[in-house]
N, C-alpha and C. Protein backbone atom coordinates (compact mmCIF):
# COMPACT_ATOMS: atom_id res chain seq x y z
N MET A 1 71.97 157.36 80.84
CA MET A 1 72.28 157.52 79.42
C MET A 1 72.02 157.48 78.12
N GLU A 2 72.62 158.66 77.35
CA GLU A 2 71.85 158.72 76.26
C GLU A 2 72.25 157.49 74.92
N PRO A 3 71.32 157.30 74.46
CA PRO A 3 71.64 156.32 73.26
C PRO A 3 72.52 157.03 71.98
N ILE A 4 73.23 156.24 71.66
CA ILE A 4 74.59 156.64 70.36
C ILE A 4 73.99 155.91 69.51
N LEU A 5 73.88 156.57 68.52
CA LEU A 5 73.61 155.98 67.03
C LEU A 5 74.70 155.80 66.40
N ARG A 6 74.91 154.28 66.37
CA ARG A 6 76.60 153.45 65.49
C ARG A 6 75.96 153.24 64.50
N ALA A 7 76.79 153.94 63.28
CA ALA A 7 76.42 153.77 61.90
C ALA A 7 77.37 152.67 61.48
N ALA A 8 76.84 151.69 60.36
CA ALA A 8 77.46 150.58 60.21
C ALA A 8 79.03 150.72 59.49
N ASN A 9 79.80 150.52 59.71
CA ASN A 9 81.17 150.31 59.13
C ASN A 9 81.48 150.13 57.33
N SER A 10 81.46 151.42 57.03
CA SER A 10 81.53 151.24 55.54
C SER A 10 82.69 150.29 54.69
N GLU A 11 83.57 150.03 55.85
CA GLU A 11 84.89 149.43 55.23
C GLU A 11 84.65 147.83 55.71
N ASP A 12 83.79 147.44 55.96
CA ASP A 12 83.80 146.06 56.57
C ASP A 12 83.60 145.12 55.27
N TRP A 13 83.63 145.71 53.87
CA TRP A 13 83.81 144.92 53.06
C TRP A 13 85.07 144.96 52.43
N ILE A 14 85.81 146.06 52.57
CA ILE A 14 87.35 145.62 52.72
C ILE A 14 87.96 144.62 53.24
N THR A 15 87.80 144.79 54.66
CA THR A 15 88.17 143.56 55.73
C THR A 15 87.77 142.42 54.73
N ILE A 16 86.73 141.91 54.26
CA ILE A 16 86.39 140.77 54.03
C ILE A 16 87.34 140.39 52.77
N ILE A 17 87.47 141.25 52.05
CA ILE A 17 88.26 141.02 50.73
C ILE A 17 89.77 140.74 51.48
N LEU A 18 90.40 141.62 52.10
CA LEU A 18 91.85 141.50 52.48
C LEU A 18 91.63 140.39 53.42
N PHE A 19 90.89 139.80 53.97
CA PHE A 19 91.16 138.23 54.74
C PHE A 19 90.74 137.11 53.69
N GLY A 20 89.69 137.36 52.61
CA GLY A 20 89.88 136.21 51.45
C GLY A 20 91.16 136.22 50.65
N SER A 21 91.56 137.47 50.29
CA SER A 21 92.88 137.03 49.75
C SER A 21 93.81 136.72 50.66
N LEU A 22 94.16 136.90 51.44
CA LEU A 22 95.25 136.06 52.56
C LEU A 22 94.70 134.71 52.31
N LEU A 23 93.88 134.03 52.74
CA LEU A 23 93.30 132.75 52.38
C LEU A 23 94.34 132.01 51.07
N PHE A 24 94.41 132.88 50.34
CA PHE A 24 95.33 132.00 49.11
C PHE A 24 96.64 131.93 49.32
N VAL A 25 97.06 133.00 50.55
CA VAL A 25 98.78 132.76 50.63
C VAL A 25 98.74 131.27 51.41
N LEU A 26 97.80 131.58 52.66
CA LEU A 26 97.66 130.60 53.39
C LEU A 26 97.73 129.48 53.07
N ALA A 27 96.58 129.10 51.54
CA ALA A 27 96.78 127.68 51.11
C ALA A 27 98.18 127.40 50.41
N ALA A 28 98.30 128.62 49.76
CA ALA A 28 99.92 128.45 49.35
C ALA A 28 101.33 128.05 49.92
N LYS A 29 101.18 128.70 51.42
CA LYS A 29 102.03 128.06 52.17
C LYS A 29 102.00 126.42 52.84
N THR A 30 100.31 126.42 52.82
CA THR A 30 100.05 124.77 53.14
C THR A 30 100.59 123.63 52.42
N MET A 31 100.05 124.18 51.12
CA MET A 31 100.82 123.06 50.07
C MET A 31 101.67 122.84 49.63
N PHE A 32 102.43 124.07 49.48
CA PHE A 32 103.84 124.16 48.81
C PHE A 32 105.03 124.69 50.21
N TYR A 33 105.11 124.49 51.10
CA TYR A 33 105.70 124.89 52.58
C TYR A 33 106.95 125.39 51.86
N SER A 34 107.89 124.67 51.40
CA SER A 34 109.44 125.08 50.99
C SER A 34 109.51 125.92 49.66
N ARG A 35 108.44 125.68 48.84
CA ARG A 35 108.43 126.65 47.69
C ARG A 35 108.42 127.86 48.58
N PHE A 36 107.14 128.15 49.27
CA PHE A 36 106.74 129.57 49.90
C PHE A 36 108.01 130.02 50.47
N LEU A 37 108.91 129.39 51.56
CA LEU A 37 109.85 129.75 52.12
C LEU A 37 110.85 130.29 50.86
N ASN A 38 111.30 129.68 49.61
CA ASN A 38 111.83 130.50 48.78
C ASN A 38 111.15 131.41 47.92
N PHE A 39 109.86 131.78 47.98
CA PHE A 39 109.53 132.42 47.62
C PHE A 39 109.55 133.72 48.04
N MET A 40 109.51 133.71 49.75
CA MET A 40 109.74 134.81 50.39
C MET A 40 110.78 135.93 50.50
N ILE A 41 112.29 135.15 50.03
CA ILE A 41 113.20 135.73 50.04
C ILE A 41 113.62 136.29 48.46
N LEU A 42 112.76 136.10 47.41
CA LEU A 42 112.43 136.12 46.34
C LEU A 42 113.59 138.12 45.82
N PRO A 43 113.39 138.95 46.38
CA PRO A 43 113.97 139.76 45.67
C PRO A 43 115.54 139.51 46.45
N PHE A 44 115.87 139.15 46.73
CA PHE A 44 117.18 139.14 47.91
C PHE A 44 117.79 137.51 47.79
N ASN A 45 117.54 136.86 46.95
CA ASN A 45 117.95 135.70 46.22
C ASN A 45 117.37 134.99 45.57
N ASN A 46 117.74 134.70 43.95
CA ASN A 46 117.38 134.00 43.01
C ASN A 46 116.98 132.76 42.92
N LYS A 47 117.32 131.97 44.19
CA LYS A 47 117.03 130.76 44.33
C LYS A 47 115.51 130.13 43.68
N TYR A 48 114.47 130.97 44.36
CA TYR A 48 113.42 130.55 43.73
C TYR A 48 113.19 130.43 42.29
N ILE A 49 113.47 131.47 41.58
CA ILE A 49 113.61 131.33 40.00
C ILE A 49 114.73 130.38 39.25
N PHE A 50 115.84 130.14 39.85
CA PHE A 50 116.44 129.31 39.60
C PHE A 50 116.15 127.59 39.81
N MET A 51 115.05 127.32 40.71
CA MET A 51 114.33 125.95 41.35
C MET A 51 113.17 126.13 40.47
N TYR A 52 112.53 126.80 40.19
CA TYR A 52 111.04 126.31 39.40
C TYR A 52 111.14 127.52 38.27
N ASN A 53 112.09 127.78 37.71
CA ASN A 53 112.01 128.06 36.45
C ASN A 53 111.84 127.47 35.51
N LYS A 54 112.71 126.31 35.42
CA LYS A 54 112.43 125.25 34.61
C LYS A 54 111.05 123.98 34.36
N LYS A 55 110.46 124.19 35.53
CA LYS A 55 109.48 123.44 35.52
C LYS A 55 108.33 123.61 36.21
N GLU A 56 107.26 123.29 35.69
CA GLU A 56 105.60 123.97 36.43
C GLU A 56 105.68 125.18 35.67
N LYS A 57 106.25 125.72 35.96
CA LYS A 57 106.02 127.26 35.40
C LYS A 57 104.98 127.94 35.65
N LEU A 58 103.90 128.21 34.58
CA LEU A 58 102.87 129.51 34.77
C LEU A 58 101.79 128.42 35.61
N TYR A 59 101.54 127.07 35.44
CA TYR A 59 100.55 126.11 35.50
C TYR A 59 100.44 125.52 36.91
N ASN A 60 101.49 125.85 37.60
CA ASN A 60 101.33 125.38 39.32
C ASN A 60 100.57 126.13 39.89
N TRP A 61 100.19 125.47 40.94
CA TRP A 61 99.16 125.93 41.88
C TRP A 61 99.53 126.91 42.71
N PHE A 62 101.02 126.74 42.94
CA PHE A 62 101.72 128.05 43.81
C PHE A 62 101.49 129.23 43.64
N HIS A 63 101.89 128.99 41.83
CA HIS A 63 101.88 130.42 41.11
C HIS A 63 100.38 131.12 40.70
N ILE A 64 99.71 129.91 40.58
CA ILE A 64 98.11 130.61 40.26
C ILE A 64 97.47 131.02 41.95
N LEU A 65 97.85 130.80 42.94
CA LEU A 65 97.37 131.37 44.13
C LEU A 65 97.86 132.72 44.36
N PHE A 66 99.45 132.43 44.24
CA PHE A 66 99.76 133.87 44.59
C PHE A 66 99.44 135.12 43.53
N THR A 67 98.94 134.69 42.07
CA THR A 67 98.31 135.75 41.39
C THR A 67 97.46 135.96 41.36
N ILE A 68 96.34 135.06 42.29
CA ILE A 68 95.09 135.65 42.26
C ILE A 68 95.26 136.78 43.60
N PHE A 69 95.79 136.23 44.77
CA PHE A 69 96.04 137.24 45.48
C PHE A 69 96.65 138.68 45.31
N GLN A 70 97.76 138.63 44.47
CA GLN A 70 98.06 140.13 43.76
C GLN A 70 97.04 140.36 42.98
N VAL A 71 96.52 139.94 42.24
CA VAL A 71 95.33 140.68 41.29
C VAL A 71 94.73 141.05 42.53
N ILE A 72 93.85 140.74 43.31
CA ILE A 72 92.91 141.22 44.39
C ILE A 72 93.73 142.16 44.85
N ASN A 73 95.01 142.41 45.54
CA ASN A 73 95.67 143.28 46.22
C ASN A 73 96.10 144.51 45.79
N THR A 74 96.34 144.49 44.37
CA THR A 74 96.89 145.13 43.16
C THR A 74 95.46 146.41 42.96
N SER A 75 94.44 145.60 42.96
CA SER A 75 93.18 146.33 42.50
C SER A 75 92.66 146.95 43.48
N LEU A 76 92.56 146.51 44.53
CA LEU A 76 92.46 147.23 45.96
C LEU A 76 93.28 148.55 46.39
N PHE A 77 94.31 148.30 46.31
CA PHE A 77 95.38 149.29 46.20
C PHE A 77 95.20 150.50 45.47
N LEU A 78 94.89 150.36 43.85
CA LEU A 78 94.24 150.92 43.05
C LEU A 78 93.07 151.76 43.56
N PHE A 79 91.97 151.13 44.27
CA PHE A 79 90.85 151.82 44.81
C PHE A 79 91.18 152.77 46.08
N LEU A 80 92.20 152.09 46.68
CA LEU A 80 92.24 152.75 47.80
C LEU A 80 93.17 154.41 47.75
N ALA A 81 93.94 154.20 46.54
CA ALA A 81 94.98 154.89 46.02
C ALA A 81 93.91 156.11 45.52
N TRP A 82 92.91 155.66 44.66
CA TRP A 82 92.10 156.43 44.21
C TRP A 82 91.07 157.17 45.23
N LYS A 83 90.92 156.74 46.01
CA LYS A 83 90.10 157.25 47.16
C LYS A 83 90.71 157.82 48.07
N SER A 84 92.19 158.23 48.26
CA SER A 84 93.36 158.57 48.96
C SER A 84 93.16 159.97 48.18
N TYR A 85 93.22 160.21 47.08
CA TYR A 85 93.52 161.34 46.10
C TYR A 85 92.32 162.17 45.95
N GLU A 86 90.84 161.54 45.54
CA GLU A 86 89.92 161.95 44.93
C GLU A 86 89.02 162.31 46.21
N LYS A 87 89.26 161.71 47.48
CA LYS A 87 87.97 161.85 48.44
C LYS A 87 86.73 161.72 48.23
N PRO A 88 86.08 161.05 47.52
CA PRO A 88 84.67 161.02 47.03
C PRO A 88 83.97 160.91 48.47
N GLU A 89 82.64 161.52 48.00
CA GLU A 89 81.64 162.00 49.19
C GLU A 89 80.65 160.84 48.93
N SER A 90 80.45 160.15 48.09
CA SER A 90 79.33 159.22 47.66
C SER A 90 79.87 157.80 48.46
N ASN A 91 78.63 157.47 49.19
CA ASN A 91 78.79 156.12 49.90
C ASN A 91 78.79 154.91 49.11
N ASN A 92 78.54 155.47 47.91
CA ASN A 92 78.33 154.37 46.94
C ASN A 92 79.73 153.49 46.22
N TYR A 93 81.03 154.34 46.67
CA TYR A 93 82.08 154.39 45.69
C TYR A 93 82.49 152.80 46.12
N PRO A 94 82.47 151.57 46.74
CA PRO A 94 82.67 150.57 46.78
C PRO A 94 82.59 149.65 45.65
N PHE A 95 81.40 150.32 44.57
CA PHE A 95 80.94 149.28 43.55
C PHE A 95 82.29 149.61 42.46
N ILE A 96 83.18 150.71 42.78
CA ILE A 96 84.30 151.14 41.66
C ILE A 96 85.48 149.93 42.07
N PHE A 97 85.35 149.36 43.19
CA PHE A 97 86.23 148.30 42.97
C PHE A 97 86.18 146.82 42.31
N PRO A 98 84.75 146.81 41.90
CA PRO A 98 84.81 145.22 41.35
C PRO A 98 85.47 145.65 39.77
N ILE A 99 84.82 147.13 39.27
CA ILE A 99 85.69 147.53 37.83
C ILE A 99 86.74 147.62 37.90
N ILE A 100 87.57 147.85 38.61
CA ILE A 100 88.74 148.29 38.70
C ILE A 100 89.30 146.74 38.49
N LEU A 101 88.83 145.63 39.82
CA LEU A 101 89.36 144.11 39.50
C LEU A 101 89.23 143.64 38.42
N LEU A 102 88.24 143.77 37.13
CA LEU A 102 87.82 143.31 36.54
C LEU A 102 88.79 144.09 34.90
N VAL A 103 88.84 145.18 34.87
CA VAL A 103 89.69 146.03 34.32
C VAL A 103 91.09 145.19 34.17
N PHE A 104 91.43 145.52 35.58
CA PHE A 104 93.12 144.87 35.88
C PHE A 104 93.34 142.98 35.38
N PHE A 105 92.20 142.31 35.73
CA PHE A 105 92.67 141.12 35.56
C PHE A 105 92.59 140.96 34.28
N LEU A 106 91.47 141.71 33.31
CA LEU A 106 91.38 141.78 31.99
C LEU A 106 92.25 142.19 31.18
N PHE A 107 93.50 143.04 31.84
CA PHE A 107 94.44 143.29 31.08
C PHE A 107 95.80 142.53 31.28
N LEU A 108 95.86 141.97 33.06
CA LEU A 108 97.00 141.24 32.84
C LEU A 108 96.65 139.90 32.22
N THR A 109 95.98 139.34 32.07
CA THR A 109 95.19 138.51 30.95
C THR A 109 95.52 138.60 29.56
N VAL A 110 95.24 139.58 29.44
CA VAL A 110 95.66 139.92 27.71
C VAL A 110 97.00 140.20 27.29
N LYS A 111 97.58 140.79 28.26
CA LYS A 111 98.81 140.89 28.46
C LYS A 111 100.06 139.50 28.37
N VAL A 112 99.49 138.55 29.00
CA VAL A 112 100.50 137.11 29.36
C VAL A 112 99.96 136.54 27.88
N LEU A 113 98.95 136.92 27.29
CA LEU A 113 98.33 135.79 25.97
C LEU A 113 99.08 136.66 25.01
N LEU A 114 99.34 137.76 25.04
CA LEU A 114 99.86 138.42 23.79
C LEU A 114 101.65 138.23 24.02
N GLN A 115 102.03 137.84 25.05
CA GLN A 115 103.67 137.66 25.16
C GLN A 115 103.25 136.22 25.01
N LEU A 116 102.81 135.16 25.10
CA LEU A 116 102.53 134.06 24.64
C LEU A 116 102.50 133.77 22.90
N THR A 117 101.66 134.82 22.42
CA THR A 117 101.93 134.72 21.10
C THR A 117 103.07 135.18 20.42
N ASN A 118 103.81 136.10 21.00
CA ASN A 118 104.87 136.53 20.72
C ASN A 118 105.87 135.28 20.90
N GLY A 119 105.78 134.56 21.40
CA GLY A 119 106.61 133.35 21.60
C GLY A 119 106.42 132.14 20.43
N PHE A 120 105.21 132.16 20.17
CA PHE A 120 104.74 131.17 19.23
C PHE A 120 104.99 132.06 17.64
N ILE A 121 105.40 133.16 17.70
CA ILE A 121 105.25 133.62 16.56
C ILE A 121 107.11 133.84 16.02
N PHE A 122 107.69 133.64 17.15
CA PHE A 122 109.21 133.99 16.86
C PHE A 122 109.69 132.59 17.17
N GLY A 123 108.66 131.81 17.61
CA GLY A 123 109.54 130.49 17.85
C GLY A 123 109.75 129.65 18.79
N SER A 124 109.84 130.78 20.09
CA SER A 124 110.30 130.59 21.62
C SER A 124 109.48 130.33 22.77
N GLN A 125 108.50 129.69 22.40
CA GLN A 125 107.70 129.47 23.36
C GLN A 125 108.26 129.35 24.78
N LYS A 126 109.34 128.45 24.56
CA LYS A 126 109.75 127.94 26.06
C LYS A 126 110.62 129.29 26.88
N THR A 127 110.91 130.01 26.05
CA THR A 127 112.08 130.91 26.26
C THR A 127 111.16 132.51 27.03
N PHE A 128 109.69 132.48 25.88
CA PHE A 128 108.79 133.64 26.41
C PHE A 128 108.21 133.00 27.46
N SER A 129 107.99 131.81 28.11
CA SER A 129 107.32 131.36 29.06
C SER A 129 108.04 131.63 30.14
N GLU A 130 109.50 131.43 30.17
CA GLU A 130 110.31 131.84 31.30
C GLU A 130 110.44 133.26 31.90
N ILE A 131 110.35 133.57 30.69
CA ILE A 131 110.56 135.51 31.31
C ILE A 131 108.99 135.58 31.72
N ILE A 132 108.03 135.15 31.04
CA ILE A 132 106.67 135.60 31.60
C ILE A 132 106.49 135.26 33.29
N PHE A 133 107.45 133.88 33.34
CA PHE A 133 107.14 133.36 34.74
C PHE A 133 107.89 134.34 36.11
N LYS A 134 108.95 134.89 35.40
CA LYS A 134 109.82 135.55 36.35
C LYS A 134 109.39 136.80 36.48
N LYS A 135 108.91 137.01 35.57
CA LYS A 135 108.22 138.75 35.62
C LYS A 135 106.64 138.49 36.63
N LEU A 136 106.18 137.46 36.44
CA LEU A 136 105.26 137.35 37.15
C LEU A 136 105.15 136.95 38.53
N SER A 137 105.84 136.17 39.08
CA SER A 137 106.87 136.25 40.18
C SER A 137 107.09 137.35 40.97
N TYR A 138 107.70 138.07 40.37
CA TYR A 138 108.09 139.37 40.85
C TYR A 138 107.08 140.17 41.33
N LEU A 139 106.10 140.39 40.09
CA LEU A 139 104.67 140.88 40.67
C LEU A 139 103.97 140.30 41.46
N ASN A 140 103.73 139.03 41.51
CA ASN A 140 103.28 138.48 42.93
C ASN A 140 103.99 138.63 44.08
N TYR A 141 105.16 138.72 44.22
CA TYR A 141 105.89 138.89 45.55
C TYR A 141 105.06 140.45 46.02
N SER A 142 105.39 141.11 45.04
CA SER A 142 104.68 142.87 45.05
C SER A 142 103.55 143.10 45.71
N GLY A 143 102.78 141.80 45.57
CA GLY A 143 101.41 141.99 45.75
C GLY A 143 101.48 141.69 47.55
N LEU A 144 102.47 141.28 48.12
CA LEU A 144 102.54 141.04 49.56
C LEU A 144 102.59 142.64 50.06
N ILE A 145 103.55 143.49 49.03
CA ILE A 145 103.72 144.69 49.52
C ILE A 145 102.38 145.76 49.47
N LEU A 146 101.77 145.34 48.56
CA LEU A 146 100.15 145.80 48.47
C LEU A 146 99.39 145.68 49.46
N PHE A 147 99.63 144.55 49.91
CA PHE A 147 98.53 143.71 51.34
C PHE A 147 98.41 144.31 52.16
N ILE A 148 100.16 144.82 52.65
CA ILE A 148 100.25 145.49 53.97
C ILE A 148 100.08 147.22 53.62
N ALA A 149 100.12 147.52 52.42
CA ALA A 149 99.78 148.61 52.02
C ALA A 149 98.16 148.97 52.19
N ASN A 150 98.02 148.17 51.80
CA ASN A 150 96.23 148.08 51.63
C ASN A 150 95.64 148.01 53.15
N ILE A 151 96.24 147.22 54.08
CA ILE A 151 96.10 147.02 55.57
C ILE A 151 96.17 148.68 56.19
N VAL A 152 97.28 149.14 56.15
CA VAL A 152 97.71 150.09 56.75
C VAL A 152 96.51 151.42 56.13
N LEU A 153 96.34 151.25 55.00
CA LEU A 153 95.72 152.50 54.30
C LEU A 153 93.91 152.27 55.05
N SER A 154 93.58 151.07 54.97
CA SER A 154 92.40 150.76 55.39
C SER A 154 91.88 151.01 57.22
N PHE A 155 93.18 150.98 57.68
CA PHE A 155 92.74 151.03 59.46
C PHE A 155 93.60 151.69 59.95
N VAL A 156 94.87 152.33 59.53
CA VAL A 156 95.88 152.45 60.33
C VAL A 156 96.26 154.29 59.80
N TYR A 157 96.81 154.51 58.71
CA TYR A 157 96.58 156.02 58.28
C TYR A 157 95.90 155.60 56.88
N VAL A 158 94.24 156.17 57.20
CA VAL A 158 93.51 156.09 56.41
C VAL A 158 93.52 157.04 55.08
N ASP A 159 93.81 156.98 54.42
CA ASP A 159 93.70 157.99 52.79
C ASP A 159 95.17 158.56 52.76
N SER A 160 96.23 158.19 53.35
CA SER A 160 97.21 158.59 53.43
C SER A 160 98.03 158.42 51.94
N LYS A 161 98.11 159.46 51.59
CA LYS A 161 99.09 159.82 50.24
C LYS A 161 100.57 159.57 50.36
N THR A 162 100.99 159.58 51.60
CA THR A 162 102.47 158.98 51.84
C THR A 162 102.56 157.57 51.85
N VAL A 163 101.64 156.86 52.38
CA VAL A 163 101.34 155.10 52.12
C VAL A 163 101.59 155.12 50.94
N VAL A 164 100.15 155.89 50.08
CA VAL A 164 100.47 155.32 48.62
C VAL A 164 101.53 155.37 48.06
N VAL A 165 102.40 156.75 47.75
CA VAL A 165 103.73 156.85 47.48
C VAL A 165 104.75 155.91 47.72
N LEU A 166 104.60 155.75 48.92
CA LEU A 166 106.17 154.44 49.57
C LEU A 166 105.84 153.33 49.00
N ALA A 167 104.06 152.87 49.01
CA ALA A 167 104.28 151.39 48.29
C ALA A 167 104.44 151.57 47.05
N LEU A 168 104.16 152.50 46.39
CA LEU A 168 104.41 152.51 44.78
C LEU A 168 105.69 152.36 44.63
N ILE A 169 106.77 153.18 45.46
CA ILE A 169 108.25 153.24 45.26
C ILE A 169 108.81 151.33 45.46
N LEU A 170 107.91 150.81 46.36
CA LEU A 170 108.42 149.57 46.66
C LEU A 170 108.14 148.45 45.80
N PHE A 171 106.87 149.09 45.32
CA PHE A 171 106.30 147.81 44.42
C PHE A 171 106.86 148.02 42.92
N LEU A 172 107.66 149.09 42.69
CA LEU A 172 108.31 149.54 41.65
C LEU A 172 109.87 149.08 41.74
N GLY A 173 110.21 149.41 43.18
CA GLY A 173 111.46 148.60 43.15
C GLY A 173 111.41 147.24 43.06
N VAL A 174 110.63 146.51 43.74
CA VAL A 174 110.73 145.03 43.49
C VAL A 174 110.78 144.33 41.98
N ASN A 175 109.87 145.36 41.53
CA ASN A 175 109.66 144.72 40.15
C ASN A 175 110.62 145.22 39.13
N ILE A 176 111.19 146.43 39.58
CA ILE A 176 112.88 146.28 38.69
C ILE A 176 113.56 145.30 38.86
N ILE A 177 113.62 144.85 39.91
CA ILE A 177 114.70 143.76 40.04
C ILE A 177 114.44 142.65 39.39
N GLY A 178 113.02 142.67 39.21
CA GLY A 178 112.65 141.32 38.10
C GLY A 178 113.04 141.94 36.76
N TRP A 179 113.08 142.80 36.43
CA TRP A 179 113.19 143.23 35.18
C TRP A 179 115.01 143.39 34.95
N VAL A 180 115.65 143.73 35.81
CA VAL A 180 116.92 143.45 35.95
C VAL A 180 117.32 141.95 35.53
N THR A 181 116.36 141.08 36.55
CA THR A 181 116.63 139.72 36.48
C THR A 181 116.79 139.34 35.00
N VAL A 182 115.68 139.48 34.84
CA VAL A 182 114.68 139.13 33.08
C VAL A 182 116.09 139.42 31.94
N LEU A 183 116.43 140.65 31.88
CA LEU A 183 117.19 141.30 31.04
C LEU A 183 118.65 140.66 30.96
N LYS A 184 119.26 140.40 32.50
CA LYS A 184 120.43 139.46 32.49
C LYS A 184 120.27 138.31 32.03
N ASN A 185 119.69 137.28 32.44
CA ASN A 185 119.14 136.10 31.73
C ASN A 185 118.97 135.65 30.10
N HIS A 186 118.21 136.71 29.37
CA HIS A 186 117.71 136.81 28.27
C HIS A 186 118.47 137.98 27.55
N GLN A 187 119.76 138.27 27.56
CA GLN A 187 120.63 139.33 26.71
C GLN A 187 120.53 139.01 25.37
N LYS A 188 120.41 137.72 25.09
CA LYS A 188 121.06 137.47 23.28
C LYS A 188 119.51 137.63 22.67
N LEU A 189 118.47 137.17 23.35
CA LEU A 189 117.27 137.22 22.61
C LEU A 189 116.58 138.68 22.62
N ILE A 190 116.74 139.44 23.95
CA ILE A 190 116.51 141.05 23.65
C ILE A 190 117.57 141.90 22.19
N THR A 191 118.55 140.85 22.47
CA THR A 191 119.58 141.87 21.43
C THR A 191 118.90 141.40 20.18
N ALA A 192 118.75 139.90 19.91
CA ALA A 192 118.30 139.49 18.32
C ALA A 192 117.00 140.17 18.06
N TYR A 193 115.96 140.64 18.82
CA TYR A 193 114.48 141.38 18.43
C TYR A 193 114.85 142.63 19.23
N PHE A 194 115.65 143.47 19.33
CA PHE A 194 116.00 144.58 19.70
C PHE A 194 114.88 145.82 19.66
N PHE A 195 114.25 145.94 18.32
CA PHE A 195 113.08 146.49 17.98
C PHE A 195 112.04 146.15 18.42
N TYR A 196 111.36 144.92 18.42
CA TYR A 196 110.56 144.26 19.08
C TYR A 196 110.03 144.32 20.59
N PHE A 197 111.51 144.28 20.90
CA PHE A 197 111.68 144.55 22.74
C PHE A 197 111.40 145.66 22.85
N ILE A 198 111.47 147.12 22.27
CA ILE A 198 111.22 148.32 22.44
C ILE A 198 109.90 148.50 22.47
N LEU A 199 109.15 147.92 21.62
CA LEU A 199 107.95 147.97 21.27
C LEU A 199 106.89 147.41 22.28
N TYR A 200 107.45 146.27 22.30
CA TYR A 200 106.98 145.48 23.72
C TYR A 200 106.50 146.60 25.30
N LEU A 201 107.85 146.91 25.20
CA LEU A 201 108.37 147.71 26.72
C LEU A 201 107.64 148.80 26.52
N CYS A 202 107.80 149.65 25.59
CA CYS A 202 106.33 150.76 25.43
C CYS A 202 105.10 150.49 25.47
N ALA A 203 104.90 149.56 25.05
CA ALA A 203 103.34 149.06 24.60
C ALA A 203 102.60 148.44 26.15
N LEU A 204 103.58 147.22 26.64
CA LEU A 204 103.14 146.80 27.65
C LEU A 204 103.69 146.98 29.58
N GLU A 205 104.65 147.33 29.46
CA GLU A 205 105.34 147.84 30.50
C GLU A 205 105.33 149.27 30.59
N ILE A 206 105.53 150.06 30.10
CA ILE A 206 105.65 151.67 29.99
C ILE A 206 103.97 152.58 30.09
N ALA A 207 103.35 152.10 29.43
CA ALA A 207 101.92 152.56 29.31
C ALA A 207 101.15 152.41 30.41
N PRO A 208 101.22 151.19 31.03
CA PRO A 208 100.83 151.18 31.67
C PRO A 208 100.80 151.74 33.16
N LEU A 209 102.30 152.04 33.25
CA LEU A 209 102.53 152.85 34.56
C LEU A 209 101.91 154.67 34.24
N VAL A 210 101.85 154.83 32.96
CA VAL A 210 101.40 156.17 32.63
C VAL A 210 100.23 156.37 32.88
N ILE A 211 99.57 155.01 32.49
CA ILE A 211 97.96 155.02 32.89
C ILE A 211 97.66 155.24 34.28
N MET A 212 98.43 154.28 35.14
CA MET A 212 97.98 154.28 36.65
C MET A 212 98.19 155.65 37.03
N GLY A 213 99.39 155.90 36.35
CA GLY A 213 99.76 157.54 36.99
C GLY A 213 98.80 158.81 36.77
N SER A 214 98.12 158.31 35.98
CA SER A 214 97.44 159.52 35.44
C SER A 214 95.76 159.13 36.11
N PHE A 215 95.84 157.81 36.19
CA PHE A 215 94.52 157.81 37.06
C PHE A 215 94.55 158.39 38.70
N LEU A 216 95.25 158.11 38.87
CA LEU A 216 95.89 158.74 40.40
C LEU A 216 96.07 160.21 40.23
N LYS A 217 96.30 160.73 39.40
CA LYS A 217 96.35 162.12 39.28
C LYS A 217 94.78 162.88 39.15
């Protein structure tokens, strides 16, 4: 038998990240089982929003754990999407992932802080906190979609542009449902500050999608 040179798998670090992010979901499920069950049907039933919108909100451990899970998987998806389109030849490309993770985390943090600041300025901290909770809940749910997409892109259909596009469509679909829910529940507030709402929509909601599209291009 001839010896076979076996190269180290460059995707091992992705396996570790996926498994590590899954631990946050398992922790959330273990500590908040009933809340987890309600969360899993979020796009099809608003029970989760109605039950947890008025209490605990942003600083509940369930919400924090799922936000961490979502940030990790969104960042990894952006990395895998970039890899699918750019086809980098260098073996050093994994170092791009920490940069994407840091940038996305800072963006999300600044975005939430700006929203909370708007609530303080307009004297509607409670309402803005509810809006942020609803939007982040749907964003966190879409992290589950990206988690599955990351597995498929890493181990099944590697670097598949079709998977990237399909995942983006599902990601947008879930978050559009969230936006529709927010608009329906806060029509009076949006009408009262319609001009500021349009500015916010362009600066913090549409612009990131345009940047993401440009990044993938």
